[in-house]
N, C-alpha and C. Protein backbone atom coordinates (compact mmCIF):
# COMPACT_ATOMS: atom_id res chain seq x y z
N UNK A 1 155.14 101.29 105.44
CA UNK A 1 153.75 100.93 105.24
C UNK A 1 153.33 100.00 106.36
N UNK A 2 152.16 100.21 106.92
CA UNK A 2 151.62 99.31 107.92
C UNK A 2 150.13 99.12 107.68
N UNK A 3 149.64 97.97 108.08
CA UNK A 3 148.24 97.63 107.92
C UNK A 3 147.69 97.16 109.27
N UNK A 4 146.46 97.53 109.62
CA UNK A 4 145.89 97.01 110.87
C UNK A 4 145.47 95.55 110.68
N UNK A 5 145.75 94.73 111.67
CA UNK A 5 145.34 93.32 111.64
C UNK A 5 144.06 93.16 112.46
N UNK A 6 143.31 92.11 112.21
CA UNK A 6 142.04 91.90 112.91
C UNK A 6 142.23 91.67 114.40
N UNK A 7 143.43 91.24 114.82
CA UNK A 7 143.67 91.00 116.25
C UNK A 7 144.21 92.25 116.96
N UNK A 8 144.25 93.39 116.28
CA UNK A 8 144.71 94.62 116.89
C UNK A 8 146.19 94.91 116.70
N UNK A 9 146.95 93.94 116.22
CA UNK A 9 148.37 94.15 115.96
C UNK A 9 148.55 94.88 114.63
N UNK A 10 149.75 95.35 114.39
CA UNK A 10 150.06 96.04 113.14
C UNK A 10 150.95 95.14 112.29
N UNK A 11 150.63 95.05 111.00
CA UNK A 11 151.43 94.29 110.05
C UNK A 11 152.25 95.28 109.25
N UNK A 12 153.56 95.11 109.25
CA UNK A 12 154.46 96.00 108.53
C UNK A 12 154.86 95.39 107.20
N UNK A 13 155.22 96.26 106.24
CA UNK A 13 155.65 95.79 104.93
C UNK A 13 156.84 94.86 105.02
N UNK A 14 157.75 95.09 105.96
CA UNK A 14 158.92 94.21 106.11
C UNK A 14 158.50 92.81 106.54
N UNK A 15 157.39 92.68 107.27
CA UNK A 15 156.89 91.35 107.64
C UNK A 15 156.39 90.61 106.42
N UNK A 16 155.72 91.32 105.52
CA UNK A 16 155.20 90.69 104.32
C UNK A 16 156.32 90.25 103.38
N UNK A 17 157.43 91.00 103.36
CA UNK A 17 158.56 90.64 102.49
C UNK A 17 159.10 89.26 102.84
N UNK A 18 159.05 88.89 104.12
CA UNK A 18 159.57 87.60 104.54
C UNK A 18 158.75 86.44 103.98
N UNK A 19 157.52 86.71 103.54
CA UNK A 19 156.68 85.65 103.00
C UNK A 19 156.91 85.41 101.51
N UNK A 20 157.59 86.31 100.83
CA UNK A 20 157.88 86.11 99.42
C UNK A 20 159.37 86.33 99.20
N UNK A 21 159.94 85.62 98.26
CA UNK A 21 161.37 85.69 98.03
C UNK A 21 161.63 86.01 96.56
N UNK A 22 162.33 87.09 96.28
CA UNK A 22 162.70 87.39 94.90
C UNK A 22 163.69 86.35 94.36
N UNK A 23 163.71 86.20 93.06
CA UNK A 23 164.64 85.28 92.42
C UNK A 23 166.07 85.62 92.82
N UNK A 24 166.85 84.60 93.16
CA UNK A 24 168.24 84.79 93.56
C UNK A 24 168.45 84.83 95.06
N UNK A 25 167.38 84.98 95.85
CA UNK A 25 167.52 85.01 97.30
C UNK A 25 167.71 83.60 97.86
N UNK A 26 168.23 83.56 99.09
CA UNK A 26 168.35 82.29 99.81
C UNK A 26 167.78 82.46 101.21
N UNK A 27 167.37 81.36 101.81
CA UNK A 27 166.89 81.35 103.19
C UNK A 27 167.42 80.07 103.84
N UNK A 28 167.84 80.16 105.10
CA UNK A 28 168.38 79.00 105.81
C UNK A 28 167.45 78.63 106.95
N UNK A 29 167.21 77.32 107.07
CA UNK A 29 166.37 76.79 108.13
C UNK A 29 167.08 75.58 108.76
N UNK A 30 167.02 75.44 110.09
CA UNK A 30 167.66 74.31 110.74
C UNK A 30 166.83 73.02 110.60
N UNK A 31 167.52 71.89 110.61
CA UNK A 31 166.85 70.59 110.65
C UNK A 31 167.66 69.66 111.55
N UNK A 32 167.01 68.66 112.10
CA UNK A 32 167.69 67.66 112.91
C UNK A 32 166.89 66.37 112.83
N UNK A 33 167.58 65.28 112.55
CA UNK A 33 166.95 63.96 112.48
C UNK A 33 167.60 63.09 113.54
N UNK A 34 166.79 62.45 114.35
CA UNK A 34 167.29 61.48 115.32
C UNK A 34 166.25 60.38 115.46
N UNK A 35 166.71 59.15 115.45
CA UNK A 35 165.79 58.01 115.55
C UNK A 35 166.59 56.75 115.82
N UNK A 36 165.89 55.67 116.10
CA UNK A 36 166.51 54.36 116.18
C UNK A 36 165.82 53.46 115.17
N UNK A 37 166.45 52.35 114.85
CA UNK A 37 165.82 51.46 113.88
C UNK A 37 166.74 50.35 113.44
N UNK A 38 166.18 49.48 112.62
CA UNK A 38 166.95 48.37 112.07
C UNK A 38 167.78 48.86 110.89
N UNK A 39 168.66 48.02 110.42
CA UNK A 39 169.56 48.39 109.33
C UNK A 39 168.78 48.81 108.09
N UNK A 40 169.11 49.97 107.54
CA UNK A 40 168.46 50.45 106.32
C UNK A 40 167.13 51.14 106.55
N UNK A 41 166.77 51.37 107.82
CA UNK A 41 165.50 52.06 108.11
C UNK A 41 165.56 53.49 107.61
N UNK A 42 164.47 53.94 107.01
CA UNK A 42 164.38 55.32 106.54
C UNK A 42 163.89 56.19 107.68
N UNK A 43 164.64 57.26 107.96
CA UNK A 43 164.26 58.21 109.01
C UNK A 43 164.31 59.61 108.40
N UNK A 44 163.49 60.51 108.88
CA UNK A 44 163.48 61.84 108.29
C UNK A 44 162.68 62.84 109.07
N UNK A 45 162.59 64.05 108.51
CA UNK A 45 161.82 65.13 109.12
C UNK A 45 161.37 66.08 108.01
N UNK A 46 160.42 66.94 108.36
CA UNK A 46 159.97 67.99 107.45
C UNK A 46 160.65 69.29 107.88
N UNK A 47 161.23 70.00 106.96
CA UNK A 47 161.87 71.29 107.23
C UNK A 47 161.01 72.36 106.55
N UNK A 48 160.34 73.16 107.36
CA UNK A 48 159.43 74.18 106.83
C UNK A 48 160.19 75.39 106.29
N UNK A 49 159.68 75.93 105.20
CA UNK A 49 160.21 77.16 104.62
C UNK A 49 159.44 78.34 105.20
N UNK A 50 160.12 79.41 105.51
CA UNK A 50 159.44 80.61 106.02
C UNK A 50 158.72 81.36 104.90
N UNK A 51 159.09 81.10 103.66
CA UNK A 51 158.48 81.78 102.52
C UNK A 51 157.37 80.90 101.97
N UNK A 52 156.13 81.20 102.31
CA UNK A 52 154.99 80.38 101.88
C UNK A 52 154.50 80.71 100.48
N UNK A 53 154.93 81.85 99.93
CA UNK A 53 154.41 82.26 98.64
C UNK A 53 155.29 81.96 97.46
N UNK A 54 156.55 81.60 97.70
CA UNK A 54 157.49 81.36 96.61
C UNK A 54 158.00 79.93 96.66
N UNK A 55 158.10 79.30 95.50
CA UNK A 55 158.60 77.93 95.42
C UNK A 55 160.11 77.97 95.20
N UNK A 56 160.90 77.37 96.09
CA UNK A 56 162.35 77.34 95.89
C UNK A 56 162.71 76.54 94.63
N UNK A 57 163.80 76.91 93.98
CA UNK A 57 164.26 76.15 92.82
C UNK A 57 165.13 74.98 93.24
N UNK A 58 165.75 75.08 94.41
CA UNK A 58 166.56 73.97 94.93
C UNK A 58 166.80 74.17 96.41
N UNK A 59 167.33 73.13 97.04
CA UNK A 59 167.70 73.20 98.45
C UNK A 59 169.00 72.42 98.62
N UNK A 60 169.89 72.94 99.44
CA UNK A 60 171.13 72.22 99.75
C UNK A 60 171.22 72.03 101.26
N UNK A 61 171.88 70.97 101.66
CA UNK A 61 171.99 70.63 103.08
C UNK A 61 173.43 70.66 103.54
N UNK A 62 173.65 71.10 104.76
CA UNK A 62 174.94 70.89 105.38
C UNK A 62 174.69 70.07 106.66
N UNK A 63 175.75 69.61 107.25
CA UNK A 63 175.64 68.82 108.49
C UNK A 63 176.44 69.51 109.59
N UNK A 64 176.26 70.83 109.68
CA UNK A 64 177.04 71.64 110.61
C UNK A 64 176.67 71.43 112.08
N UNK A 65 175.46 70.96 112.37
CA UNK A 65 175.06 70.72 113.76
C UNK A 65 175.50 69.34 114.24
N UNK A 66 175.35 68.34 113.37
CA UNK A 66 175.67 66.96 113.72
C UNK A 66 176.03 66.21 112.46
N UNK A 67 177.28 65.76 112.36
CA UNK A 67 177.66 64.94 111.21
C UNK A 67 176.93 63.60 111.32
N UNK A 68 176.72 62.91 110.21
CA UNK A 68 175.97 61.65 110.26
C UNK A 68 176.59 60.65 111.24
N UNK A 69 175.79 60.20 112.17
CA UNK A 69 176.20 59.22 113.17
C UNK A 69 175.25 58.02 113.08
N UNK A 70 175.76 56.88 112.67
CA UNK A 70 174.98 55.66 112.48
C UNK A 70 173.93 55.80 111.37
N UNK A 71 174.18 56.72 110.43
CA UNK A 71 173.28 56.90 109.30
C UNK A 71 174.07 57.46 108.13
N UNK A 72 173.45 57.43 106.95
CA UNK A 72 174.07 57.97 105.75
C UNK A 72 173.85 59.48 105.66
N UNK A 73 174.50 60.12 104.70
CA UNK A 73 174.30 61.55 104.49
C UNK A 73 172.84 61.81 104.11
N UNK A 74 172.28 62.93 104.55
CA UNK A 74 170.87 63.20 104.27
C UNK A 74 170.61 63.59 102.82
N UNK A 75 169.39 63.33 102.38
CA UNK A 75 168.90 63.68 101.04
C UNK A 75 167.58 64.40 101.19
N UNK A 76 167.08 64.93 100.07
CA UNK A 76 165.80 65.64 100.10
C UNK A 76 164.86 65.14 99.01
N UNK A 77 163.58 65.36 99.23
CA UNK A 77 162.55 65.17 98.21
C UNK A 77 161.33 66.01 98.60
N UNK A 78 160.36 66.07 97.73
CA UNK A 78 159.10 66.80 97.97
C UNK A 78 159.32 68.28 98.29
N UNK A 79 160.17 68.94 97.53
CA UNK A 79 160.41 70.38 97.69
C UNK A 79 159.18 71.15 97.22
N UNK A 80 158.68 72.04 98.07
CA UNK A 80 157.51 72.86 97.72
C UNK A 80 157.63 74.23 98.36
N UNK A 81 156.62 75.07 98.17
CA UNK A 81 156.61 76.39 98.78
C UNK A 81 156.50 76.31 100.30
N UNK A 82 156.11 75.13 100.82
CA UNK A 82 155.95 74.96 102.26
C UNK A 82 157.19 74.41 102.95
N UNK A 83 158.11 73.83 102.20
CA UNK A 83 159.31 73.27 102.79
C UNK A 83 159.83 72.09 102.01
N UNK A 84 160.55 71.20 102.71
CA UNK A 84 161.17 70.05 102.06
C UNK A 84 161.25 68.88 103.04
N UNK A 85 161.14 67.68 102.52
CA UNK A 85 161.32 66.48 103.31
C UNK A 85 162.80 66.11 103.27
N UNK A 86 163.41 65.94 104.45
CA UNK A 86 164.82 65.56 104.56
C UNK A 86 164.86 64.16 105.17
N UNK A 87 165.64 63.27 104.57
CA UNK A 87 165.64 61.89 105.05
C UNK A 87 167.02 61.26 104.91
N UNK A 88 167.21 60.16 105.59
CA UNK A 88 168.42 59.36 105.50
C UNK A 88 168.06 57.93 105.86
N UNK A 89 169.03 57.03 105.81
CA UNK A 89 168.82 55.64 106.22
C UNK A 89 169.86 55.25 107.26
N UNK A 90 169.47 54.39 108.16
CA UNK A 90 170.40 53.93 109.19
C UNK A 90 171.41 52.96 108.59
N UNK A 91 172.59 52.91 109.18
CA UNK A 91 173.66 52.06 108.65
C UNK A 91 173.77 50.72 109.37
N UNK A 92 172.90 50.46 110.28
CA UNK A 92 172.88 49.20 111.02
C UNK A 92 171.73 49.26 112.01
N UNK A 93 171.55 48.20 112.77
CA UNK A 93 170.55 48.24 113.83
C UNK A 93 171.12 49.11 114.93
N UNK A 94 170.49 50.26 115.15
CA UNK A 94 171.06 51.27 116.04
C UNK A 94 170.03 51.77 117.06
N UNK A 95 170.54 52.22 118.18
CA UNK A 95 169.70 52.85 119.19
C UNK A 95 169.61 54.35 118.98
N UNK A 96 170.58 54.90 118.24
CA UNK A 96 170.55 56.34 118.00
C UNK A 96 171.27 56.68 116.70
N UNK A 97 170.52 57.13 115.72
CA UNK A 97 171.07 57.64 114.47
C UNK A 97 170.77 59.13 114.44
N UNK A 98 171.77 59.96 114.14
CA UNK A 98 171.60 61.41 114.22
C UNK A 98 172.29 62.12 113.06
N UNK A 99 171.66 63.19 112.60
CA UNK A 99 172.29 64.10 111.63
C UNK A 99 171.52 65.41 111.70
N UNK A 100 172.23 66.53 111.55
CA UNK A 100 171.55 67.82 111.61
C UNK A 100 172.39 68.93 111.03
N UNK A 101 171.74 69.99 110.64
CA UNK A 101 172.44 71.14 110.07
C UNK A 101 171.47 72.17 109.55
N UNK A 102 171.89 72.84 108.49
CA UNK A 102 171.06 73.87 107.88
C UNK A 102 170.63 73.46 106.48
N UNK A 103 169.37 73.70 106.18
CA UNK A 103 168.86 73.55 104.81
C UNK A 103 168.82 74.95 104.21
N UNK A 104 169.52 75.13 103.08
CA UNK A 104 169.55 76.42 102.40
C UNK A 104 168.65 76.36 101.18
N UNK A 105 167.56 77.13 101.21
CA UNK A 105 166.60 77.20 100.11
C UNK A 105 167.07 78.26 99.13
N UNK A 106 167.16 77.91 97.84
CA UNK A 106 167.50 78.88 96.79
C UNK A 106 166.25 79.21 96.00
N UNK A 107 166.00 80.50 95.81
CA UNK A 107 164.80 80.97 95.10
C UNK A 107 165.15 81.56 93.76
């Protein structure tokens, strides 16, 4: 199935499937947090979900890109159909606190 788009491109059914997620599916998105700050400073980022039409039931994080350096393990809040806020706190007054990996959205 294909549909004409107003800009002259073609929209395929497989493109639309990526915007909605059936129950039981998962999607992985990368995240990376880097900042400096005083001890206990909250640092974070927004991790966007590719599925704008479905609300995930949960999200899990790994630190496969960068294990926590000068910061605590990351946590999440504000999970929505648009993504999730990922944050951590620094473990001291640091010039560089880093953590990164994949956020796995469960639908």
